[in-house]
Amino acid sequence: MNFVELKKQFLILYAAVKKYGDATNNPQLRTLEQLLMELEKEFPDIKVIEDLNHSLYPPHGGINDFFIWDDDFDKRLELNAPIDNAKQITWEMLN
């Protein structure tokens, strides 16, 4: 498991949610913080990481519903591309 790549992608998600999210995203922020703390350990527990990652994707209101809104369509695509990419990479690595 490439923990360095996972951490990189979770940092992208964390930074975006922290900067552009609101109070409804606090559960995702806490989960992302837990994921990053686990990935800081010398020997991260893959089961803990998988469980935390899965908890980011409840049926409603999870990280999958998070996106950045901007009235400018091109800017909106630009802002959301790294987030969408990070979600895709972490999902593929952990599922």
N, C-alpha and C. Protein backbone atom coordinates (compact mmCIF):
# COMPACT_ATOMS: atom_id res chain seq x y z
N MET A 1 0.85 -1.18 0.00
CA MET A 1 0.00 0.00 0.00
C MET A 1 0.89 1.24 0.00
N ASN A 2 0.60 2.15 -0.87
CA ASN A 2 1.36 3.39 -0.98
C ASN A 2 0.76 4.44 -0.03
N PHE A 3 1.23 4.44 1.20
CA PHE A 3 0.69 5.35 2.21
C PHE A 3 1.04 6.81 1.91
N VAL A 4 2.16 7.04 1.25
CA VAL A 4 2.56 8.41 0.91
C VAL A 4 1.55 9.01 -0.07
N GLU A 5 1.16 8.24 -1.08
CA GLU A 5 0.17 8.71 -2.05
C GLU A 5 -1.19 8.92 -1.40
N LEU A 6 -1.58 8.00 -0.53
CA LEU A 6 -2.85 8.16 0.17
C LEU A 6 -2.86 9.45 0.99
N LYS A 7 -1.79 9.69 1.72
CA LYS A 7 -1.70 10.89 2.54
C LYS A 7 -1.79 12.14 1.67
N LYS A 8 -1.10 12.13 0.54
CA LYS A 8 -1.13 13.27 -0.39
C LYS A 8 -2.56 13.56 -0.83
N GLN A 9 -3.30 12.53 -1.18
CA GLN A 9 -4.67 12.71 -1.67
C GLN A 9 -5.61 13.16 -0.54
N PHE A 10 -5.44 12.59 0.64
CA PHE A 10 -6.28 13.01 1.77
C PHE A 10 -5.96 14.44 2.19
N LEU A 11 -4.72 14.87 2.03
CA LEU A 11 -4.38 16.27 2.31
C LEU A 11 -5.07 17.21 1.33
N ILE A 12 -5.18 16.82 0.08
CA ILE A 12 -5.90 17.62 -0.92
C ILE A 12 -7.35 17.78 -0.49
N LEU A 13 -7.97 16.66 -0.11
CA LEU A 13 -9.37 16.71 0.33
C LEU A 13 -9.52 17.56 1.58
N TYR A 14 -8.63 17.34 2.54
CA TYR A 14 -8.71 18.09 3.80
C TYR A 14 -8.60 19.59 3.55
N ALA A 15 -7.63 20.00 2.75
CA ALA A 15 -7.44 21.42 2.48
C ALA A 15 -8.66 22.04 1.80
N ALA A 16 -9.25 21.32 0.87
CA ALA A 16 -10.42 21.84 0.16
C ALA A 16 -11.62 21.96 1.08
N VAL A 17 -11.87 20.93 1.88
CA VAL A 17 -13.02 20.96 2.79
C VAL A 17 -12.81 22.05 3.85
N LYS A 18 -11.60 22.18 4.35
CA LYS A 18 -11.29 23.19 5.36
C LYS A 18 -11.50 24.60 4.79
N LYS A 19 -11.07 24.82 3.55
CA LYS A 19 -11.13 26.15 2.96
C LYS A 19 -12.54 26.50 2.45
N TYR A 20 -13.19 25.54 1.82
CA TYR A 20 -14.45 25.85 1.13
C TYR A 20 -15.69 25.26 1.80
N GLY A 21 -15.51 24.39 2.76
CA GLY A 21 -16.66 23.75 3.39
C GLY A 21 -17.31 24.66 4.43
N ASP A 22 -18.38 24.14 5.00
CA ASP A 22 -19.07 24.86 6.07
C ASP A 22 -19.28 23.90 7.24
N ALA A 23 -20.10 24.29 8.18
CA ALA A 23 -20.30 23.49 9.40
C ALA A 23 -20.85 22.10 9.09
N THR A 24 -21.56 21.95 7.99
CA THR A 24 -22.09 20.62 7.65
C THR A 24 -20.98 19.65 7.27
N ASN A 25 -19.79 20.16 7.00
CA ASN A 25 -18.66 19.31 6.62
C ASN A 25 -17.76 18.97 7.80
N ASN A 26 -18.13 19.39 9.01
CA ASN A 26 -17.30 19.09 10.18
C ASN A 26 -17.06 17.59 10.38
N PRO A 27 -18.06 16.72 10.17
CA PRO A 27 -17.78 15.28 10.33
C PRO A 27 -16.71 14.79 9.35
N GLN A 28 -16.75 15.28 8.12
CA GLN A 28 -15.74 14.88 7.15
C GLN A 28 -14.35 15.40 7.53
N LEU A 29 -14.32 16.64 8.05
CA LEU A 29 -13.03 17.19 8.49
C LEU A 29 -12.43 16.35 9.61
N ARG A 30 -13.26 15.96 10.59
CA ARG A 30 -12.76 15.14 11.69
C ARG A 30 -12.25 13.79 11.18
N THR A 31 -12.99 13.19 10.26
CA THR A 31 -12.56 11.90 9.70
C THR A 31 -11.27 12.05 8.92
N LEU A 32 -11.17 13.10 8.13
CA LEU A 32 -9.92 13.33 7.39
C LEU A 32 -8.75 13.57 8.33
N GLU A 33 -8.98 14.28 9.43
CA GLU A 33 -7.92 14.48 10.43
C GLU A 33 -7.49 13.15 11.02
N GLN A 34 -8.45 12.28 11.32
CA GLN A 34 -8.12 10.95 11.85
C GLN A 34 -7.32 10.13 10.83
N LEU A 35 -7.73 10.21 9.57
CA LEU A 35 -7.00 9.51 8.51
C LEU A 35 -5.56 10.00 8.42
N LEU A 36 -5.40 11.31 8.44
CA LEU A 36 -4.05 11.87 8.35
C LEU A 36 -3.20 11.50 9.56
N MET A 37 -3.80 11.47 10.74
CA MET A 37 -3.05 11.04 11.94
C MET A 37 -2.63 9.58 11.82
N GLU A 38 -3.53 8.74 11.33
CA GLU A 38 -3.18 7.32 11.15
C GLU A 38 -2.06 7.16 10.13
N LEU A 39 -2.10 7.95 9.08
CA LEU A 39 -1.07 7.86 8.04
C LEU A 39 0.27 8.42 8.49
N GLU A 40 0.29 9.19 9.59
CA GLU A 40 1.53 9.71 10.15
C GLU A 40 2.28 8.65 10.96
N LYS A 41 1.60 7.62 11.36
CA LYS A 41 2.22 6.58 12.19
C LYS A 41 3.29 5.83 11.40
N GLU A 42 4.23 5.28 12.14
CA GLU A 42 5.30 4.50 11.50
C GLU A 42 4.73 3.30 10.74
N PHE A 43 3.72 2.66 11.35
CA PHE A 43 3.07 1.52 10.72
C PHE A 43 1.55 1.75 10.71
N PRO A 44 1.05 2.46 9.71
CA PRO A 44 -0.39 2.73 9.66
C PRO A 44 -1.19 1.42 9.56
N ASP A 45 -2.33 1.42 10.20
CA ASP A 45 -3.22 0.25 10.21
C ASP A 45 -4.18 0.38 9.02
N ILE A 46 -4.00 -0.48 8.02
CA ILE A 46 -4.80 -0.41 6.80
C ILE A 46 -6.29 -0.60 7.08
N LYS A 47 -6.62 -1.42 8.06
CA LYS A 47 -8.03 -1.66 8.39
C LYS A 47 -8.66 -0.37 8.94
N VAL A 48 -7.95 0.33 9.79
CA VAL A 48 -8.44 1.60 10.33
C VAL A 48 -8.62 2.60 9.18
N ILE A 49 -7.65 2.67 8.29
CA ILE A 49 -7.72 3.58 7.15
C ILE A 49 -8.90 3.25 6.26
N GLU A 50 -9.09 1.97 5.98
CA GLU A 50 -10.23 1.56 5.14
C GLU A 50 -11.56 1.92 5.80
N ASP A 51 -11.68 1.65 7.10
CA ASP A 51 -12.92 1.95 7.81
C ASP A 51 -13.20 3.45 7.83
N LEU A 52 -12.18 4.25 8.09
CA LEU A 52 -12.36 5.70 8.10
C LEU A 52 -12.73 6.20 6.71
N ASN A 53 -12.07 5.67 5.70
CA ASN A 53 -12.38 6.07 4.33
C ASN A 53 -13.83 5.75 3.99
N HIS A 54 -14.28 4.55 4.34
CA HIS A 54 -15.67 4.18 4.06
C HIS A 54 -16.65 5.09 4.79
N SER A 55 -16.27 5.55 5.97
CA SER A 55 -17.18 6.43 6.72
C SER A 55 -17.33 7.80 6.06
N LEU A 56 -16.43 8.15 5.15
CA LEU A 56 -16.55 9.40 4.41
C LEU A 56 -17.67 9.36 3.36
N TYR A 57 -18.18 8.16 3.09
CA TYR A 57 -19.15 7.98 2.00
C TYR A 57 -20.48 7.41 2.47
N PRO A 58 -21.15 8.11 3.41
CA PRO A 58 -22.49 7.65 3.80
C PRO A 58 -23.47 7.92 2.65
N PRO A 59 -24.70 7.40 2.74
CA PRO A 59 -25.66 7.62 1.65
C PRO A 59 -25.93 9.10 1.34
N HIS A 60 -25.90 9.95 2.36
CA HIS A 60 -26.17 11.37 2.14
C HIS A 60 -25.20 12.20 2.97
N GLY A 61 -24.72 13.28 2.39
CA GLY A 61 -23.93 14.24 3.15
C GLY A 61 -22.47 13.88 3.35
N GLY A 62 -21.97 12.93 2.62
CA GLY A 62 -20.57 12.55 2.76
C GLY A 62 -19.67 13.36 1.86
N ILE A 63 -18.43 12.95 1.82
CA ILE A 63 -17.43 13.65 1.01
C ILE A 63 -17.78 13.59 -0.48
N ASN A 64 -18.53 12.58 -0.86
CA ASN A 64 -18.92 12.45 -2.26
C ASN A 64 -19.84 13.60 -2.69
N ASP A 65 -20.57 14.19 -1.75
CA ASP A 65 -21.47 15.31 -2.06
C ASP A 65 -20.74 16.65 -2.03
N PHE A 66 -19.49 16.66 -1.59
CA PHE A 66 -18.75 17.92 -1.46
C PHE A 66 -18.24 18.41 -2.81
N PHE A 67 -18.52 19.66 -3.11
CA PHE A 67 -17.94 20.30 -4.27
C PHE A 67 -17.88 21.80 -4.01
N ILE A 68 -17.05 22.47 -4.78
CA ILE A 68 -16.89 23.91 -4.64
C ILE A 68 -17.74 24.58 -5.71
N TRP A 69 -18.56 25.53 -5.28
CA TRP A 69 -19.39 26.26 -6.23
C TRP A 69 -18.74 27.58 -6.59
N ASP A 70 -18.74 27.86 -7.87
CA ASP A 70 -18.35 29.17 -8.37
C ASP A 70 -19.25 29.45 -9.56
N ASP A 71 -19.72 30.68 -9.70
CA ASP A 71 -20.62 31.01 -10.80
C ASP A 71 -19.95 30.84 -12.16
N ASP A 72 -18.64 30.98 -12.20
CA ASP A 72 -17.89 30.78 -13.44
C ASP A 72 -17.67 29.28 -13.65
N PHE A 73 -18.27 28.73 -14.68
CA PHE A 73 -18.23 27.29 -14.93
C PHE A 73 -16.81 26.77 -15.05
N ASP A 74 -15.97 27.46 -15.82
CA ASP A 74 -14.59 27.00 -16.01
C ASP A 74 -13.80 27.01 -14.70
N LYS A 75 -14.01 28.05 -13.92
CA LYS A 75 -13.33 28.12 -12.62
C LYS A 75 -13.82 27.01 -11.70
N ARG A 76 -15.13 26.74 -11.73
CA ARG A 76 -15.70 25.67 -10.91
C ARG A 76 -15.07 24.33 -11.28
N LEU A 77 -14.92 24.07 -12.59
CA LEU A 77 -14.25 22.83 -13.03
C LEU A 77 -12.82 22.78 -12.52
N GLU A 78 -12.12 23.90 -12.64
CA GLU A 78 -10.72 23.97 -12.21
C GLU A 78 -10.58 23.72 -10.71
N LEU A 79 -11.47 24.31 -9.92
CA LEU A 79 -11.41 24.15 -8.47
C LEU A 79 -11.75 22.72 -8.03
N ASN A 80 -12.68 22.09 -8.73
CA ASN A 80 -13.15 20.77 -8.32
C ASN A 80 -12.33 19.62 -8.89
N ALA A 81 -11.55 19.85 -9.93
CA ALA A 81 -10.77 18.78 -10.56
C ALA A 81 -9.84 18.06 -9.57
N PRO A 82 -9.05 18.78 -8.76
CA PRO A 82 -8.17 18.07 -7.82
C PRO A 82 -8.95 17.29 -6.76
N ILE A 83 -10.11 17.82 -6.37
CA ILE A 83 -10.94 17.14 -5.37
C ILE A 83 -11.50 15.85 -5.95
N ASP A 84 -12.05 15.95 -7.14
CA ASP A 84 -12.60 14.76 -7.80
C ASP A 84 -11.51 13.71 -8.02
N ASN A 85 -10.33 14.16 -8.42
CA ASN A 85 -9.22 13.26 -8.64
C ASN A 85 -8.80 12.58 -7.34
N ALA A 86 -8.71 13.34 -6.26
CA ALA A 86 -8.32 12.77 -4.96
C ALA A 86 -9.34 11.75 -4.48
N LYS A 87 -10.63 12.05 -4.66
CA LYS A 87 -11.68 11.09 -4.28
C LYS A 87 -11.54 9.80 -5.07
N GLN A 88 -11.30 9.94 -6.36
CA GLN A 88 -11.17 8.76 -7.24
C GLN A 88 -9.96 7.91 -6.84
N ILE A 89 -8.83 8.55 -6.62
CA ILE A 89 -7.61 7.82 -6.27
C ILE A 89 -7.77 7.10 -4.93
N THR A 90 -8.27 7.80 -3.91
CA THR A 90 -8.41 7.15 -2.61
C THR A 90 -9.44 6.01 -2.67
N TRP A 91 -10.51 6.22 -3.41
CA TRP A 91 -11.53 5.17 -3.55
C TRP A 91 -10.92 3.93 -4.21
N GLU A 92 -10.18 4.14 -5.29
CA GLU A 92 -9.57 3.00 -6.01
C GLU A 92 -8.52 2.30 -5.15
N MET A 93 -7.77 3.05 -4.37
CA MET A 93 -6.73 2.43 -3.55
C MET A 93 -7.31 1.64 -2.38
N LEU A 94 -8.46 2.06 -1.87
CA LEU A 94 -8.99 1.46 -0.64
C LEU A 94 -10.23 0.60 -0.84
N ASN A 95 -10.66 0.41 -2.06
CA ASN A 95 -11.84 -0.44 -2.31
C ASN A 95 -11.53 -1.51 -3.32
